[in-house]
Amino acid sequence: MSGSVASSTGTLVLETASGRHNFTIEVATTEAERELGLMYRRSLPKDGGMLFLYAKPRALAMWMKNTLIPLDMVFIDAFGRVHRIESHTEPFSTTPIPSDGEVQAILELNADTAEEIGLKAGDKVIYPGLGQP
């Protein structure tokens, strides 16, 4: 089985001390899209990712069940700021990865991307629907 593309795509920008970094993302907004996420994918473009976007902030947790590639998970608050980063998650793990607070979105990127661009808590995430609590 191969992962299917989420129903919408877009460009997301991460503003870090090293500059602005653009990512072409798939957006998962329905329960079915969120459940599938990036499962079964064998690769992700270097500038690709998936944004799990929720209508209201809440405490969330993700896992890596059936996910073949290691990822960085970026938890984003309602103000469009990085809340926390879980780097280099373990493929196939069923251990929950918590948001450690209320967030409105989770961005999944290739493992080590956050470190490569110098992403840290407090950095700005620019995407329609984020940063408008």
C-alpha atoms as a PDB file:
ATOM      1  CA  MET A   1       0.000   0.000   0.000  1.00  0.00           C
ATOM      2  CA  SER A   2       1.283   3.487  -0.746  1.00  0.00           C
ATOM      3  CA  GLY A   3       0.316   6.625   1.145  1.00  0.00           C
ATOM      4  CA  SER A   4      -2.091   8.875  -0.660  1.00  0.00           C
ATOM      5  CA  VAL A   5      -1.786  12.615  -0.989  1.00  0.00           C
ATOM      6  CA  ALA A   6      -3.832  14.740   1.401  1.00  0.00           C
ATOM      7  CA  SER A   7      -6.671  16.673  -0.187  1.00  0.00           C
ATOM      8  CA  SER A   8      -4.841  20.000  -0.237  1.00  0.00           C
ATOM      9  CA  THR A   9      -1.300  21.271  -0.642  1.00  0.00           C
ATOM     10  CA  GLY A  10       0.440  24.571  -0.119  1.00  0.00           C
ATOM     11  CA  THR A  11       3.611  26.402   0.771  1.00  0.00           C
ATOM     12  CA  LEU A  12       4.598  26.788   4.417  1.00  0.00           C
ATOM     13  CA  VAL A  13       7.422  29.069   5.576  1.00  0.00           C
ATOM     14  CA  LEU A  14       9.570  28.547   8.675  1.00  0.00           C
ATOM     15  CA  GLU A  15      11.340  31.710   9.844  1.00  0.00           C
ATOM     16  CA  THR A  16      14.527  30.909  11.726  1.00  0.00           C
ATOM     17  CA  ALA A  17      17.688  32.780  12.678  1.00  0.00           C
ATOM     18  CA  SER A  18      19.171  31.380   9.441  1.00  0.00           C
ATOM     19  CA  GLY A  19      16.390  32.896   7.304  1.00  0.00           C
ATOM     20  CA  ARG A  20      13.118  31.881   5.673  1.00  0.00           C
ATOM     21  CA  HIS A  21      12.728  28.253   4.607  1.00  0.00           C
ATOM     22  CA  ASN A  22       9.922  27.258   2.211  1.00  0.00           C
ATOM     23  CA  PHE A  23       8.325  23.818   2.256  1.00  0.00           C
ATOM     24  CA  THR A  24       5.802  22.328  -0.132  1.00  0.00           C
ATOM     25  CA  ILE A  25       3.378  20.585   2.171  1.00  0.00           C
ATOM     26  CA  GLU A  26       0.353  18.368   2.097  1.00  0.00           C
ATOM     27  CA  VAL A  27      -2.342  19.426   4.554  1.00  0.00           C
ATOM     28  CA  ALA A  28      -4.245  16.840   6.576  1.00  0.00           C
ATOM     29  CA  THR A  29      -7.469  18.317   7.945  1.00  0.00           C
ATOM     30  CA  THR A  30      -9.887  15.390   7.973  1.00  0.00           C
ATOM     31  CA  GLU A  31      -9.764  12.510  10.431  1.00  0.00           C
ATOM     32  CA  ALA A  32      -9.032  10.031   7.613  1.00  0.00           C
ATOM     33  CA  GLU A  33      -6.139  12.163   6.290  1.00  0.00           C
ATOM     34  CA  ARG A  34      -4.708  12.548   9.800  1.00  0.00           C
ATOM     35  CA  GLU A  35      -4.944   8.818  10.479  1.00  0.00           C
ATOM     36  CA  LEU A  36      -3.029   7.975   7.294  1.00  0.00           C
ATOM     37  CA  GLY A  37      -0.536  10.827   7.540  1.00  0.00           C
ATOM     38  CA  LEU A  38       2.799   9.804   6.029  1.00  0.00           C
ATOM     39  CA  MET A  39       2.326   6.077   6.685  1.00  0.00           C
ATOM     40  CA  TYR A  40       3.715   3.699   4.066  1.00  0.00           C
ATOM     41  CA  ARG A  41       5.738   6.414   2.303  1.00  0.00           C
ATOM     42  CA  ARG A  42       9.210   5.358   1.260  1.00  0.00           C
ATOM     43  CA  SER A  43      10.485   8.921   0.867  1.00  0.00           C
ATOM     44  CA  LEU A  44       9.592  12.566   1.253  1.00  0.00           C
ATOM     45  CA  PRO A  45      11.009  15.370  -0.925  1.00  0.00           C
ATOM     46  CA  LYS A  46      13.760  17.337   0.838  1.00  0.00           C
ATOM     47  CA  ASP A  47      11.542  20.443   0.927  1.00  0.00           C
ATOM     48  CA  GLY A  48       8.358  18.436   1.548  1.00  0.00           C
ATOM     49  CA  GLY A  49       6.242  17.809   4.597  1.00  0.00           C
ATOM     50  CA  MET A  50       2.785  17.244   5.980  1.00  0.00           C
ATOM     51  CA  LEU A  51       0.843  19.668   8.161  1.00  0.00           C
ATOM     52  CA  PHE A  52      -1.783  18.251  10.504  1.00  0.00           C
ATOM     53  CA  LEU A  53      -4.060  21.237  11.050  1.00  0.00           C
ATOM     54  CA  TYR A  54      -6.789  21.402  13.714  1.00  0.00           C
ATOM     55  CA  ALA A  55      -9.643  23.911  14.082  1.00  0.00           C
ATOM     56  CA  LYS A  56      -8.869  24.620  17.756  1.00  0.00           C
ATOM     57  CA  PRO A  57      -5.759  24.249  19.925  1.00  0.00           C
ATOM     58  CA  ARG A  58      -5.562  21.082  22.001  1.00  0.00           C
ATOM     59  CA  ALA A  59      -3.082  18.687  23.563  1.00  0.00           C
ATOM     60  CA  LEU A  60      -2.098  16.186  20.871  1.00  0.00           C
ATOM     61  CA  ALA A  61       0.075  13.125  20.458  1.00  0.00           C
ATOM     62  CA  MET A  62       1.402  11.389  17.361  1.00  0.00           C
ATOM     63  CA  TRP A  63       3.060   8.043  16.726  1.00  0.00           C
ATOM     64  CA  MET A  64       5.074   6.444  13.952  1.00  0.00           C
ATOM     65  CA  LYS A  65       3.070   3.246  13.406  1.00  0.00           C
ATOM     66  CA  ASN A  66       3.502   2.080   9.792  1.00  0.00           C
ATOM     67  CA  THR A  67       5.725   5.089   9.064  1.00  0.00           C
ATOM     68  CA  LEU A  68       8.797   3.949   7.157  1.00  0.00           C
ATOM     69  CA  ILE A  69      10.921   7.106   7.253  1.00  0.00           C
ATOM     70  CA  PRO A  70      12.300   8.976  10.286  1.00  0.00           C
ATOM     71  CA  LEU A  71      10.710  12.384  10.748  1.00  0.00           C
ATOM     72  CA  ASP A  72      11.027  15.610  12.702  1.00  0.00           C
ATOM     73  CA  MET A  73       7.721  16.580  14.339  1.00  0.00           C
ATOM     74  CA  VAL A  74       7.200  20.299  14.839  1.00  0.00           C
ATOM     75  CA  PHE A  75       4.379  21.155  17.257  1.00  0.00           C
ATOM     76  CA  ILE A  76       2.904  24.591  16.464  1.00  0.00           C
ATOM     77  CA  ASP A  77       0.830  26.748  18.814  1.00  0.00           C
ATOM     78  CA  ALA A  78      -2.235  28.852  17.968  1.00  0.00           C
ATOM     79  CA  PHE A  79      -0.032  31.934  17.516  1.00  0.00           C
ATOM     80  CA  GLY A  80       1.886  30.307  14.653  1.00  0.00           C
ATOM     81  CA  ARG A  81       5.013  29.703  16.724  1.00  0.00           C
ATOM     82  CA  VAL A  82       7.010  26.525  17.207  1.00  0.00           C
ATOM     83  CA  HIS A  83       5.982  25.094  20.579  1.00  0.00           C
ATOM     84  CA  ARG A  84       8.401  22.172  20.569  1.00  0.00           C
ATOM     85  CA  ILE A  85      10.290  19.833  18.237  1.00  0.00           C
ATOM     86  CA  GLU A  86      10.655  16.061  18.435  1.00  0.00           C
ATOM     87  CA  SER A  87      13.703  15.285  16.292  1.00  0.00           C
ATOM     88  CA  HIS A  88      14.428  12.129  14.359  1.00  0.00           C
ATOM     89  CA  THR A  89      11.407  10.063  15.394  1.00  0.00           C
ATOM     90  CA  GLU A  90      11.729   6.281  15.211  1.00  0.00           C
ATOM     91  CA  PRO A  91      10.006   4.539  12.281  1.00  0.00           C
ATOM     92  CA  PHE A  92       7.292   2.016  13.245  1.00  0.00           C
ATOM     93  CA  SER A  93       7.247   3.129  16.903  1.00  0.00           C
ATOM     94  CA  THR A  94       3.856   3.044  18.636  1.00  0.00           C
ATOM     95  CA  THR A  95       5.113   5.149  21.545  1.00  0.00           C
ATOM     96  CA  PRO A  96       3.032   8.348  21.701  1.00  0.00           C
ATOM     97  CA  ILE A  97       4.915  11.593  21.050  1.00  0.00           C
ATOM     98  CA  PRO A  98       3.077  14.289  23.043  1.00  0.00           C
ATOM     99  CA  SER A  99       2.722  17.955  22.201  1.00  0.00           C
ATOM    100  CA  ASP A 100       3.439  18.900  25.843  1.00  0.00           C
ATOM    101  CA  GLY A 101       0.766  21.590  25.773  1.00  0.00           C
ATOM    102  CA  GLU A 102      -1.982  22.890  23.532  1.00  0.00           C
ATOM    103  CA  VAL A 103      -1.091  23.174  19.844  1.00  0.00           C
ATOM    104  CA  GLN A 104      -3.065  23.857  16.688  1.00  0.00           C
ATOM    105  CA  ALA A 105      -0.881  22.005  14.211  1.00  0.00           C
ATOM    106  CA  ILE A 106       1.894  19.482  13.794  1.00  0.00           C
ATOM    107  CA  LEU A 107       4.338  19.677  10.909  1.00  0.00           C
ATOM    108  CA  GLU A 108       6.192  16.527   9.856  1.00  0.00           C
ATOM    109  CA  LEU A 109       9.456  17.003   7.965  1.00  0.00           C
ATOM    110  CA  ASN A 110      12.309  14.720   6.990  1.00  0.00           C
ATOM    111  CA  ALA A 111      14.450  13.805   9.993  1.00  0.00           C
ATOM    112  CA  ASP A 112      17.245  16.293  10.754  1.00  0.00           C
ATOM    113  CA  THR A 113      15.588  19.125   8.788  1.00  0.00           C
ATOM    114  CA  ALA A 114      14.871  21.139  11.949  1.00  0.00           C
ATOM    115  CA  GLU A 115      18.523  20.978  12.978  1.00  0.00           C
ATOM    116  CA  GLU A 116      19.764  21.758   9.457  1.00  0.00           C
ATOM    117  CA  ILE A 117      17.770  25.001   9.280  1.00  0.00           C
ATOM    118  CA  GLY A 118      18.288  25.912  12.959  1.00  0.00           C
ATOM    119  CA  LEU A 119      14.600  25.646  13.870  1.00  0.00           C
ATOM    120  CA  LYS A 120      13.856  26.206  17.549  1.00  0.00           C
ATOM    121  CA  ALA A 121      10.962  26.830  19.908  1.00  0.00           C
ATOM    122  CA  GLY A 122       9.493  30.297  19.347  1.00  0.00           C
ATOM    123  CA  ASP A 123      10.311  30.451  15.627  1.00  0.00           C
ATOM    124  CA  LYS A 124       7.509  31.668  13.345  1.00  0.00           C
ATOM    125  CA  VAL A 125       5.482  29.362  11.120  1.00  0.00           C
ATOM    126  CA  ILE A 126       3.693  31.074   8.231  1.00  0.00           C
ATOM    127  CA  TYR A 127       0.705  29.297   6.733  1.00  0.00           C
ATOM    128  CA  PRO A 128      -2.938  30.387   6.236  1.00  0.00           C
ATOM    129  CA  GLY A 129      -4.995  29.532   9.313  1.00  0.00           C
ATOM    130  CA  LEU A 130      -2.048  29.621  11.711  1.00  0.00           C
ATOM    131  CA  GLY A 131      -1.266  32.541  13.985  1.00  0.00           C
ATOM    132  CA  GLN A 132      -4.887  33.626  14.363  1.00  0.00           C
ATOM    133  CA  PRO A 133      -6.012  32.341  17.771  1.00  0.00           C
END
